[in-house]
């Protein structure tokens, strides 16, 4: 099911699971 959602996520980078992960990693690195 996750794969099917990726097609729509491409148009919505804000909700991209990988983008959220990168944001979390960046936040952790800054802390």
N, C-alpha and C. Protein backbone atom coordinates (compact mmCIF):
# COMPACT_ATOMS: atom_id res chain seq x y z
N UNK A 1 0.84 -1.21 0.00
CA UNK A 1 0.00 0.00 0.00
C UNK A 1 0.87 1.26 0.00
N UNK A 2 1.97 1.22 0.71
CA UNK A 2 2.85 2.39 0.81
C UNK A 2 3.34 2.79 -0.58
N UNK A 3 3.69 1.80 -1.38
CA UNK A 3 4.20 2.08 -2.73
C UNK A 3 3.16 2.85 -3.55
N UNK A 4 1.89 2.48 -3.40
CA UNK A 4 0.83 3.13 -4.17
C UNK A 4 0.73 4.60 -3.78
N UNK A 5 1.03 4.91 -2.52
CA UNK A 5 0.91 6.29 -2.05
C UNK A 5 2.06 7.16 -2.56
N UNK A 6 3.20 6.54 -2.81
CA UNK A 6 4.37 7.31 -3.24
C UNK A 6 4.09 8.13 -4.49
N UNK A 7 3.27 7.60 -5.41
CA UNK A 7 2.97 8.32 -6.65
C UNK A 7 2.38 9.69 -6.35
N UNK A 8 1.51 9.75 -5.34
CA UNK A 8 0.89 11.03 -4.99
C UNK A 8 1.87 11.89 -4.19
N UNK A 9 2.69 11.24 -3.36
CA UNK A 9 3.64 11.98 -2.54
C UNK A 9 4.64 12.76 -3.39
N UNK A 10 4.90 12.27 -4.60
CA UNK A 10 5.87 12.95 -5.46
C UNK A 10 5.42 14.38 -5.73
N UNK A 11 4.10 14.59 -5.77
CA UNK A 11 3.57 15.93 -6.01
C UNK A 11 3.45 16.70 -4.70
N UNK A 12 3.67 16.00 -3.58
CA UNK A 12 3.55 16.65 -2.27
C UNK A 12 4.79 16.34 -1.42
N UNK A 13 5.93 16.95 -1.74
CA UNK A 13 7.17 16.68 -1.02
C UNK A 13 7.06 16.95 0.48
N UNK A 14 6.09 17.80 0.87
CA UNK A 14 5.95 18.15 2.28
C UNK A 14 5.52 16.94 3.11
N UNK A 15 4.82 16.00 2.46
CA UNK A 15 4.34 14.84 3.20
C UNK A 15 5.15 13.60 2.85
N UNK A 16 6.29 13.81 2.18
CA UNK A 16 7.14 12.68 1.79
C UNK A 16 7.76 12.07 3.04
N UNK A 17 7.61 10.77 3.25
CA UNK A 17 8.16 10.12 4.44
C UNK A 17 9.66 10.29 4.56
N UNK A 18 10.36 10.27 3.41
CA UNK A 18 11.81 10.44 3.43
C UNK A 18 12.17 11.89 3.79
N UNK A 19 11.39 12.83 3.33
CA UNK A 19 11.65 14.24 3.63
C UNK A 19 11.49 14.46 5.13
N UNK A 20 10.47 13.84 5.70
CA UNK A 20 10.23 13.98 7.14
C UNK A 20 11.39 13.36 7.91
N UNK A 21 11.90 12.25 7.40
CA UNK A 21 13.02 11.57 8.06
C UNK A 21 14.26 12.45 8.02
N UNK A 22 14.50 13.06 6.87
CA UNK A 22 15.68 13.94 6.73
C UNK A 22 15.56 15.13 7.68
N UNK A 23 14.33 15.67 7.81
CA UNK A 23 14.12 16.80 8.70
C UNK A 23 14.43 16.38 10.14
N UNK A 24 14.01 15.16 10.50
CA UNK A 24 14.24 14.67 11.86
C UNK A 24 15.74 14.51 12.10
N UNK A 25 16.45 13.98 11.10
CA UNK A 25 17.90 13.78 11.24
C UNK A 25 18.60 15.13 11.35
N UNK A 26 18.16 16.10 10.56
CA UNK A 26 18.78 17.42 10.59
C UNK A 26 18.56 18.06 11.95
N UNK A 27 17.35 17.92 12.48
CA UNK A 27 17.02 18.49 13.78
C UNK A 27 17.89 17.86 14.87
N UNK A 28 18.06 16.55 14.79
CA UNK A 28 18.87 15.83 15.78
C UNK A 28 20.33 16.26 15.67
N UNK A 29 20.80 16.49 14.46
CA UNK A 29 22.20 16.88 14.26
C UNK A 29 22.45 18.27 14.83
N UNK A 30 21.46 19.15 14.72
CA UNK A 30 21.62 20.52 15.21
C UNK A 30 21.56 20.56 16.74
N UNK A 31 20.85 19.62 17.34
CA UNK A 31 20.72 19.62 18.80
C UNK A 31 22.06 19.29 19.45
